[in-house]
């Protein structure tokens, strides 16, 4: 859809500019003019931002939000949460996944995300056997992306083992597991499943070092080529201990020593890494995929963000378990975690960008886009994935430039989000997705059945 937009201020690749006209043709930005007067046909907005990439999501887990917050008889952890998740997926159908993902995706758009990296590992039928169409579940994800309008980077996940050293999978993992040969067929079917989506990307994910063997990981890297390649790593201390027992090396250390990490790799969480790993990971160009809300919810720990950024590392943010979907809250909690760990303030800013909100936003945009094999920014030739902020919001009053991002990230949050365009189509107005009522009602019907 063609459109002409005029922003009072907009964040361009080289910084803020005033009176910016953005012309959109066939879903892409055709031209950007600075210091331009609005034309009679322009849609006038206050403040324009590039859309934020969401580099890590398990969409079906949106249905679990708030359902795993009950204390057990012993200590609760990621591992007890995982058992709840296994039970939640036991009866889930492709139609159910479609409904859950569609709501997650409209909430992402309403929360400032315009593209999602779907780390998709729920592949098989209830009995663990493959569907006739191996990508039937992936097709449900693609349909949810189409319904919501969000950009999709689909990351089919290879999952084969329950622990380091190739341990056999447990019954709760039966809907996830594949052989390499079966996964290659799934990957090809997944590429077919997203053909109807504009600018969709298909990458590959290895679930974790505990779920793949070294030869399998090498095969996955060969299958993926230069496409995005994601992996969960070093999320939990038990995972680090188990990896040491198996290999004598920590998980990130093992990857650095055995894999050619590069800019198409995304190490999701990487929470428990030490100083030498931080420096080497930053040098590799791989993206750290940080999910502060989920990491806090699961009690994972705090990534050494200040050390990583100081070493030149790149990061992006993701909503992971989708217990709460809000780009500004991910950024805020990322900074606040660093403050709590270091007992200091304004940690993730840098000399080139003393504004912490601006540093967080810019870095998460660039790192997230790299991790998803896509691009974000307000510049000619790029997809028209744009977000506008409400200039009348009290926490943005009297501010301009980077101060707007400080107000957005630390005070206003998603309440300041006004409109969202994805691929040139206006999907969110006054903070509300145009299909919210229909998609939410379908979600409610499905969830009532699943938790009955």
Protein backbone atom coordinates (compact mmCIF):
# COMPACT_ATOMS: atom_id res chain seq x y z
CA UNK A 1 0.00 0.00 0.00
CA UNK A 2 1.47 3.36 -1.01
CA UNK A 3 1.56 6.10 1.63
CA UNK A 4 3.15 9.43 2.42
CA UNK A 5 3.96 10.08 6.07
CA UNK A 6 5.22 13.22 7.77
CA UNK A 7 6.92 13.05 11.17
CA UNK A 8 7.73 16.06 13.33
CA UNK A 9 10.89 14.20 14.31
CA UNK A 10 12.20 10.83 13.13
CA UNK A 11 15.13 8.62 14.05
CA UNK A 12 17.14 8.10 10.86
CA UNK A 13 20.27 5.94 10.50
CA UNK A 14 22.55 8.92 11.19
CA UNK A 15 20.46 10.41 13.97
CA UNK A 16 17.35 12.47 14.58
CA UNK A 17 15.93 14.81 11.96
CA UNK A 18 13.01 17.23 12.00
CA UNK A 19 10.12 17.47 9.55
CA UNK A 20 10.73 14.16 7.85
CA UNK A 21 8.61 13.00 4.91
CA UNK A 22 8.66 9.26 4.23
CA UNK A 23 7.26 8.04 0.92
CA UNK A 24 6.26 4.38 0.77
CA UNK A 25 5.78 2.38 -2.40
CA UNK A 26 4.93 -1.35 -2.55
CA UNK A 27 5.76 -1.82 1.12
CA UNK A 28 9.21 -0.23 0.98
CA UNK A 29 10.53 3.23 1.71
CA UNK A 30 10.92 5.00 -1.62
CA UNK A 31 12.24 8.33 -0.36
CA UNK A 32 13.08 10.18 2.85
CA UNK A 33 13.12 14.00 2.90
CA UNK A 34 14.45 16.07 5.81
CA UNK A 35 13.23 19.54 6.64
CA UNK A 36 10.20 19.01 4.44
CA UNK A 37 6.84 20.69 4.77
CA UNK A 38 3.87 18.34 5.06
CA UNK A 39 1.85 17.92 1.90
CA UNK A 40 -1.97 17.94 1.91
CA UNK A 41 -2.16 14.15 1.43
CA UNK A 42 0.45 13.29 4.06
CA UNK A 43 -0.51 11.41 7.20
CA UNK A 44 0.97 13.55 9.95
CA UNK A 45 2.57 11.95 12.99
CA UNK A 46 4.62 13.20 15.91
CA UNK A 47 7.71 11.04 16.36
CA UNK A 48 8.85 8.22 14.07
CA UNK A 49 11.05 5.23 14.94
CA UNK A 50 12.20 2.16 13.04
CA UNK A 51 10.31 -0.94 14.14
CA UNK A 52 12.04 -3.14 16.72
CA UNK A 53 12.96 -6.74 15.78
CA UNK A 54 11.93 -9.46 18.25
CA UNK A 55 14.71 -12.00 17.79
CA UNK A 56 13.39 -14.83 19.98
CA UNK A 57 9.84 -16.10 20.46
CA UNK A 58 8.05 -19.32 21.32
CA UNK A 59 4.61 -18.15 20.26
CA UNK A 60 2.61 -21.07 21.67
CA UNK A 61 3.89 -20.24 25.16
CA UNK A 62 1.71 -17.10 25.12
CA UNK A 63 -1.03 -19.44 26.30
CA UNK A 64 0.98 -20.25 29.44
CA UNK A 65 1.29 -16.63 30.58
CA UNK A 66 0.44 -16.51 34.27
CA UNK A 67 -0.20 -20.26 34.53
CA UNK A 68 3.20 -21.27 35.95
CA UNK A 69 3.34 -18.84 38.89
CA UNK A 70 2.44 -21.32 41.64
CA UNK A 71 5.06 -22.48 44.11
CA UNK A 72 5.70 -26.22 44.28
CA UNK A 73 6.69 -28.38 47.24
CA UNK A 74 10.39 -27.83 46.58
CA UNK A 75 12.48 -25.10 44.97
CA UNK A 76 11.08 -23.91 41.64
CA UNK A 77 13.35 -23.25 38.66
CA UNK A 78 13.51 -23.32 34.88
CA UNK A 79 13.49 -27.10 35.09
CA UNK A 80 10.21 -27.29 37.01
CA UNK A 81 8.72 -24.68 34.66
CA UNK A 82 9.76 -26.89 31.73
CA UNK A 83 7.65 -29.77 33.03
CA UNK A 84 4.63 -27.44 33.07
CA UNK A 85 5.38 -26.48 29.47
CA UNK A 86 5.60 -30.14 28.41
CA UNK A 87 2.14 -30.78 29.86
CA UNK A 88 0.74 -27.68 28.17
CA UNK A 89 1.68 -28.86 24.66
CA UNK A 90 0.40 -32.42 25.03
CA UNK A 91 -2.99 -31.80 23.36
CA UNK A 92 -2.16 -28.81 21.18
CA UNK A 93 -3.24 -28.91 17.50
CA UNK A 94 -2.06 -26.79 14.57
CA UNK A 95 -5.29 -24.78 14.81
CA UNK A 96 -4.53 -24.12 18.48
CA UNK A 97 -1.00 -22.96 17.65
CA UNK A 98 -2.42 -20.65 14.99
CA UNK A 99 -4.77 -19.01 17.51
CA UNK A 100 -2.13 -18.62 20.24
CA UNK A 101 0.50 -17.28 17.84
CA UNK A 102 -1.86 -14.80 16.21
CA UNK A 103 -2.60 -13.13 19.55
CA UNK A 104 1.10 -13.10 20.47
CA UNK A 105 1.91 -11.47 17.14
CA UNK A 106 -0.68 -8.71 17.35
CA UNK A 107 0.54 -7.97 20.89
CA UNK A 108 4.08 -7.77 19.53
CA UNK A 109 2.98 -5.20 16.97
CA UNK A 110 1.09 -3.25 19.63
CA UNK A 111 4.24 -3.42 21.76
CA UNK A 112 6.55 -1.97 19.11
CA UNK A 113 7.92 -5.12 17.46
CA UNK A 114 7.57 -5.36 13.67
CA UNK A 115 9.40 -8.64 12.93
CA UNK A 116 9.63 -11.83 14.97
CA UNK A 117 12.17 -14.63 15.03
CA UNK A 118 10.00 -17.67 15.75
CA UNK A 119 12.18 -20.34 17.41
CA UNK A 120 9.78 -23.08 16.39
CA UNK A 121 10.21 -26.53 17.88
CA UNK A 122 6.66 -27.90 18.23
CA UNK A 123 6.69 -29.93 15.01
CA UNK A 124 4.85 -33.24 15.40
CA UNK A 125 1.43 -34.71 16.08
CA UNK A 126 0.21 -35.54 19.57
CA UNK A 127 1.64 -39.07 19.41
CA UNK A 128 5.04 -37.76 18.33
CA UNK A 129 4.72 -38.86 14.71
CA UNK A 130 5.24 -36.39 11.87
CA UNK A 131 2.25 -34.85 10.12
CA UNK A 132 1.70 -35.82 6.49
CA UNK A 133 2.84 -32.28 5.75
CA UNK A 134 5.91 -32.08 7.96
CA UNK A 135 5.54 -28.30 8.15
CA UNK A 136 1.89 -28.30 9.22
CA UNK A 137 2.78 -26.59 12.50
CA UNK A 138 5.07 -24.17 10.66
CA UNK A 139 2.16 -23.43 8.35
CA UNK A 140 0.08 -22.48 11.40
CA UNK A 141 2.82 -20.05 12.43
CA UNK A 142 2.95 -18.60 8.91
CA UNK A 143 -0.83 -18.14 8.89
CA UNK A 144 -0.66 -16.34 12.24
CA UNK A 145 2.00 -14.02 10.82
CA UNK A 146 -0.22 -13.38 7.81
CA UNK A 147 -3.28 -12.70 9.98
CA UNK A 148 -1.40 -10.26 12.19
CA UNK A 149 0.81 -8.72 9.50
CA UNK A 150 4.06 -9.12 11.43
CA UNK A 151 7.29 -9.86 9.58
CA UNK A 152 8.45 -13.44 10.09
CA UNK A 153 11.85 -15.03 10.36
CA UNK A 154 10.99 -18.69 10.86
CA UNK A 155 13.62 -20.71 12.71
CA UNK A 156 12.75 -24.43 12.56
CA UNK A 157 14.45 -26.07 15.52
CA UNK A 158 16.45 -29.29 15.46
CA UNK A 159 15.99 -31.15 18.74
CA UNK A 160 17.18 -34.75 19.15
CA UNK A 161 18.41 -35.45 22.69
CA UNK A 162 17.55 -34.84 26.33
CA UNK A 163 21.06 -34.09 27.50
CA UNK A 164 24.73 -33.69 26.62
CA UNK A 165 26.39 -36.61 24.91
CA UNK A 166 23.36 -37.65 22.87
CA UNK A 167 21.09 -38.89 25.66
CA UNK A 168 17.77 -40.22 24.33
CA UNK A 169 14.83 -37.79 24.47
CA UNK A 170 12.15 -38.09 27.10
CA UNK A 171 8.47 -38.69 26.42
CA UNK A 172 7.67 -35.03 27.08
CA UNK A 173 9.92 -34.10 24.14
CA UNK A 174 8.28 -36.47 21.62
CA UNK A 175 6.62 -33.64 19.67
CA UNK A 176 9.94 -31.84 19.19
CA UNK A 177 12.49 -34.47 18.11
CA UNK A 178 13.85 -35.21 14.64
CA UNK A 179 16.62 -37.03 12.89
CA UNK A 180 18.86 -34.90 10.70
CA UNK A 181 17.27 -36.44 7.61
CA UNK A 182 13.76 -35.74 8.89
CA UNK A 183 14.77 -32.21 9.81
CA UNK A 184 16.11 -31.56 6.31
CA UNK A 185 12.68 -32.48 4.94
CA UNK A 186 11.01 -30.30 7.57
CA UNK A 187 13.25 -27.39 6.63
CA UNK A 188 12.35 -27.64 2.96
CA UNK A 189 8.65 -27.90 3.79
CA UNK A 190 8.97 -24.86 6.07
CA UNK A 191 10.42 -22.80 3.23
CA UNK A 192 7.37 -23.76 1.19
CA UNK A 193 5.03 -22.86 4.08
CA UNK A 194 6.13 -19.20 4.21
CA UNK A 195 6.07 -18.52 0.47
CA UNK A 196 2.91 -16.40 0.72
CA UNK A 197 4.40 -13.98 3.24
CA UNK A 198 6.10 -10.75 2.20
CA UNK A 199 9.88 -10.78 2.85
CA UNK A 200 9.78 -13.89 5.06
CA UNK A 201 13.13 -15.41 6.04
CA UNK A 202 13.79 -19.04 6.96
CA UNK A 203 16.81 -19.80 9.11
CA UNK A 204 17.75 -22.71 11.34
CA UNK A 205 17.95 -23.25 15.08
CA UNK A 206 19.70 -25.86 17.15
CA UNK A 207 17.69 -26.09 20.34
CA UNK A 208 20.75 -26.21 22.62
CA UNK A 209 24.06 -27.98 23.04
CA UNK A 210 22.33 -30.50 25.27
CA UNK A 211 19.82 -31.33 22.51
CA UNK A 212 22.27 -31.82 19.61
CA UNK A 213 25.55 -33.68 19.17
CA UNK A 214 28.63 -32.03 17.63
CA UNK A 215 28.22 -33.87 14.28
CA UNK A 216 24.56 -32.84 14.16
CA UNK A 217 25.45 -29.22 14.84
CA UNK A 218 27.97 -29.30 11.98
CA UNK A 219 25.29 -30.71 9.66
CA UNK A 220 22.87 -27.97 10.69
CA UNK A 221 25.41 -25.25 9.97
CA UNK A 222 25.95 -26.75 6.51
CA UNK A 223 22.18 -26.92 5.88
CA UNK A 224 21.74 -23.29 6.87
CA UNK A 225 24.64 -21.76 4.98
CA UNK A 226 24.60 -17.99 5.52
CA UNK A 227 21.01 -17.96 6.85
CA UNK A 228 20.35 -17.03 10.50
CA UNK A 229 21.44 -19.79 12.89
CA UNK A 230 20.21 -19.58 16.49
CA UNK A 231 20.88 -21.66 19.59
CA UNK A 232 19.92 -21.52 23.28
CA UNK A 233 23.13 -21.50 25.32
CA UNK A 234 24.29 -21.04 28.93
CA UNK A 235 20.83 -20.08 30.13
CA UNK A 236 21.06 -22.04 33.39
CA UNK A 237 23.91 -22.87 35.78
CA UNK A 238 22.97 -26.55 35.65
CA UNK A 239 23.47 -26.43 31.90
CA UNK A 240 26.97 -25.00 32.43
CA UNK A 241 27.80 -27.71 34.98
CA UNK A 242 26.49 -30.48 32.71
CA UNK A 243 28.48 -29.14 29.77
CA UNK A 244 31.64 -29.05 31.87
CA UNK A 245 31.04 -32.65 32.95
CA UNK A 246 30.53 -33.71 29.32
CA UNK A 247 33.30 -31.76 27.58
CA UNK A 248 35.48 -30.07 30.15
CA UNK A 249 34.39 -26.73 28.69
CA UNK A 250 31.64 -24.23 29.38
CA UNK A 251 28.86 -24.00 26.72
CA UNK A 252 29.92 -20.70 25.12
CA UNK A 253 33.57 -21.72 25.43
CA UNK A 254 32.75 -24.96 23.59
CA UNK A 255 31.01 -23.09 20.78
CA UNK A 256 33.88 -20.64 20.43
CA UNK A 257 36.34 -23.53 20.15
CA UNK A 258 34.37 -25.78 17.83
CA UNK A 259 32.15 -23.59 15.64
CA UNK A 260 32.93 -20.77 13.24
CA UNK A 261 30.72 -18.19 14.95
CA UNK A 262 29.90 -15.19 12.79
CA UNK A 263 27.29 -12.48 12.34
CA UNK A 264 24.54 -14.90 11.25
CA UNK A 265 24.73 -16.70 14.61
CA UNK A 266 22.55 -15.70 17.54
CA UNK A 267 23.37 -17.10 20.98
CA UNK A 268 20.12 -16.84 22.89
CA UNK A 269 20.48 -15.93 26.58
CA UNK A 270 24.23 -16.68 27.01
CA UNK A 271 23.48 -15.65 30.59
CA UNK A 272 26.26 -17.47 32.41
CA UNK A 273 29.43 -16.45 30.61
CA UNK A 274 32.77 -15.37 32.04
CA UNK A 275 35.06 -12.52 31.03
CA UNK A 276 37.15 -14.44 28.48
CA UNK A 277 33.99 -15.73 26.79
CA UNK A 278 32.50 -12.23 26.73
CA UNK A 279 35.50 -10.82 24.86
CA UNK A 280 35.71 -13.70 22.40
CA UNK A 281 31.98 -13.70 21.72
CA UNK A 282 32.06 -9.96 21.03
CA UNK A 283 34.97 -10.42 18.60
CA UNK A 284 33.12 -13.20 16.74
CA UNK A 285 30.34 -10.88 15.59
CA UNK A 286 27.65 -13.28 16.80
CA UNK A 287 24.57 -11.63 18.33
CA UNK A 288 23.63 -12.10 21.98
CA UNK A 289 19.88 -12.72 22.06
CA UNK A 290 18.67 -11.26 25.35
CA UNK A 291 15.17 -11.83 26.75
CA UNK A 292 15.16 -9.96 30.07
CA UNK A 293 11.49 -10.47 30.95
CA UNK A 294 11.62 -14.23 30.46
CA UNK A 295 15.05 -14.52 32.04
CA UNK A 296 13.69 -12.75 35.12
CA UNK A 297 10.49 -14.80 35.11
CA UNK A 298 12.44 -18.08 34.99
CA UNK A 299 15.10 -16.96 37.46
CA UNK A 300 17.86 -17.50 34.91
CA UNK A 301 20.27 -14.78 36.00
CA UNK A 302 21.63 -11.57 34.49
CA UNK A 303 23.72 -11.36 31.33
CA UNK A 304 26.92 -9.27 31.72
CA UNK A 305 25.64 -6.59 29.38
CA UNK A 306 27.96 -3.75 30.36
CA UNK A 307 31.06 -5.89 29.87
CA UNK A 308 29.76 -7.26 26.55
CA UNK A 309 28.88 -3.88 25.07
CA UNK A 310 32.17 -2.39 26.26
CA UNK A 311 33.92 -5.20 24.37
CA UNK A 312 32.06 -4.24 21.19
CA UNK A 313 29.44 -6.96 21.35
CA UNK A 314 26.12 -6.78 19.49
CA UNK A 315 22.80 -7.71 21.06
CA UNK A 316 19.09 -7.81 20.33
CA UNK A 317 16.00 -8.44 22.43
CA UNK A 318 13.31 -11.09 22.33
CA UNK A 319 10.04 -11.88 24.09
CA UNK A 320 10.85 -15.62 24.42
CA UNK A 321 8.08 -17.19 26.55
CA UNK A 322 5.74 -14.26 25.84
CA UNK A 323 4.68 -14.01 29.46
CA UNK A 324 4.60 -10.24 28.84
CA UNK A 325 5.08 -8.71 25.38
CA UNK A 326 6.49 -5.19 25.35
CA UNK A 327 9.64 -3.98 23.58
CA UNK A 328 10.09 -1.04 25.95
CA UNK A 329 9.86 -3.31 28.99
CA UNK A 330 12.54 -5.63 27.58
CA UNK A 331 14.84 -2.61 27.16
CA UNK A 332 14.01 -1.20 30.58
CA UNK A 333 14.54 -4.51 32.37
CA UNK A 334 17.80 -5.08 30.50
CA UNK A 335 19.15 -1.82 31.91
CA UNK A 336 17.67 -2.32 35.36
CA UNK A 337 19.22 -5.78 35.64
CA UNK A 338 22.62 -4.25 34.93
CA UNK A 339 21.98 -1.57 37.56
CA UNK A 340 21.06 -4.15 40.18
CA UNK A 341 24.09 -6.29 39.37
CA UNK A 342 26.54 -3.38 39.36
CA UNK A 343 24.80 -1.18 41.95
CA UNK A 344 25.17 1.80 39.63
CA UNK A 345 23.04 3.79 37.19
CA UNK A 346 22.97 4.45 33.44
CA UNK A 347 24.99 1.35 32.69
CA UNK A 348 24.19 0.59 29.04
CA UNK A 349 24.87 4.08 27.71
CA UNK A 350 28.23 4.84 26.14
CA UNK A 351 30.37 7.92 25.46
CA UNK A 352 29.02 8.14 21.92
CA UNK A 353 25.44 7.87 23.18
CA UNK A 354 25.08 9.02 26.81
CA UNK A 355 21.31 8.61 26.43
CA UNK A 356 20.69 5.11 27.76
CA UNK A 357 17.28 4.82 26.08
CA UNK A 358 18.79 5.75 22.72
CA UNK A 359 21.75 3.38 23.11
CA UNK A 360 19.44 0.52 24.03
CA UNK A 361 17.03 1.20 21.19
CA UNK A 362 19.64 1.65 18.46
CA UNK A 363 21.71 -1.35 19.50
CA UNK A 364 18.72 -3.67 19.88
CA UNK A 365 17.41 -2.62 16.46
CA UNK A 366 20.70 -3.25 14.66
CA UNK A 367 21.55 -6.45 16.51
CA UNK A 368 18.04 -7.85 16.20
CA UNK A 369 17.88 -7.13 12.48
CA UNK A 370 21.23 -8.85 11.92
CA UNK A 371 20.08 -11.89 13.89
CA UNK A 372 16.89 -12.19 11.83
CA UNK A 373 18.47 -11.78 8.39
CA UNK A 374 16.44 -8.64 7.80
CA UNK A 375 16.85 -4.87 7.91
CA UNK A 376 15.28 -2.13 9.95
CA UNK A 377 15.64 1.61 9.65
CA UNK A 378 14.06 4.66 8.08
CA UNK A 379 15.98 4.81 4.81
CA UNK A 380 15.22 4.34 1.10
CA UNK A 381 15.02 0.73 -0.02
CA UNK A 382 14.20 -0.70 3.40
CA UNK A 383 10.86 -2.20 4.41
CA UNK A 384 8.43 0.39 5.73
CA UNK A 385 8.40 -1.06 9.26
CA UNK A 386 7.73 2.02 11.36
CA UNK A 387 6.49 3.01 14.81
CA UNK A 388 5.12 6.38 15.91
CA UNK A 389 5.08 7.78 19.43
CA UNK A 390 2.28 9.95 20.75
CA UNK A 391 3.63 13.51 21.17
CA UNK A 392 0.91 14.30 23.74
CA UNK A 393 2.01 11.60 26.19
CA UNK A 394 3.00 13.26 29.48
CA UNK A 395 6.36 11.44 29.64
CA UNK A 396 7.36 12.78 26.22
CA UNK A 397 6.32 16.37 26.86
CA UNK A 398 8.92 19.01 26.06
CA UNK A 399 11.46 16.50 24.77
CA UNK A 400 13.21 15.93 21.50
CA UNK A 401 15.81 13.65 19.99
CA UNK A 402 17.34 11.01 22.24
CA UNK A 403 15.43 12.34 25.25
CA UNK A 404 12.30 10.94 23.60
CA UNK A 405 13.78 7.44 23.80
CA UNK A 406 14.69 7.93 27.45
CA UNK A 407 11.11 8.96 28.11
CA UNK A 408 9.75 6.05 26.10
CA UNK A 409 11.98 3.33 27.57
CA UNK A 410 11.97 4.39 31.22
CA UNK A 411 8.71 6.23 31.80
CA UNK A 412 6.01 5.99 29.15
CA UNK A 413 6.54 2.48 27.84
CA UNK A 414 4.06 1.00 25.42
CA UNK A 415 1.43 3.55 26.47
CA UNK A 416 3.28 6.08 24.30
CA UNK A 417 3.06 3.89 21.19
CA UNK A 418 0.54 5.31 18.77
CA UNK A 419 0.74 3.71 15.30
CA UNK A 420 2.66 0.82 13.74
CA UNK A 421 3.22 0.19 10.05
CA UNK A 422 4.54 -3.13 8.81
CA UNK A 423 5.58 -3.43 5.17
CA UNK A 424 3.85 -0.11 4.59
CA UNK A 425 0.51 -1.23 6.01
CA UNK A 426 -0.86 0.57 9.05
CA UNK A 427 -1.78 -2.23 11.46
CA UNK A 428 -1.93 -0.40 14.80
CA UNK A 429 -3.77 2.88 15.49
CA UNK A 430 -3.97 4.51 18.92
CA UNK A 431 -2.05 1.52 20.27
CA UNK A 432 -4.61 -1.02 19.09
CA UNK A 433 -4.26 -3.61 16.32
CA UNK A 434 -7.02 -3.51 13.73
CA UNK A 435 -7.78 -7.25 14.15
CA UNK A 436 -7.48 -7.38 17.94
CA UNK A 437 -11.09 -8.23 18.79
CA UNK A 438 -11.42 -11.09 16.30
CA UNK A 439 -8.04 -12.65 17.13
CA UNK A 440 -8.47 -12.26 20.88
CA UNK A 441 -11.86 -13.99 20.84
CA UNK A 442 -10.45 -16.97 18.92
CA UNK A 443 -7.54 -17.13 21.39
CA UNK A 444 -9.92 -17.18 24.36
CA UNK A 445 -11.90 -20.05 22.88
CA UNK A 446 -8.76 -22.11 22.27
CA UNK A 447 -7.18 -21.38 25.64
CA UNK A 448 -10.31 -22.32 27.55
CA UNK A 449 -10.15 -25.73 25.87
CA UNK A 450 -6.43 -26.21 26.49
CA UNK A 451 -6.50 -25.43 30.21
CA UNK A 452 -9.82 -27.14 30.98
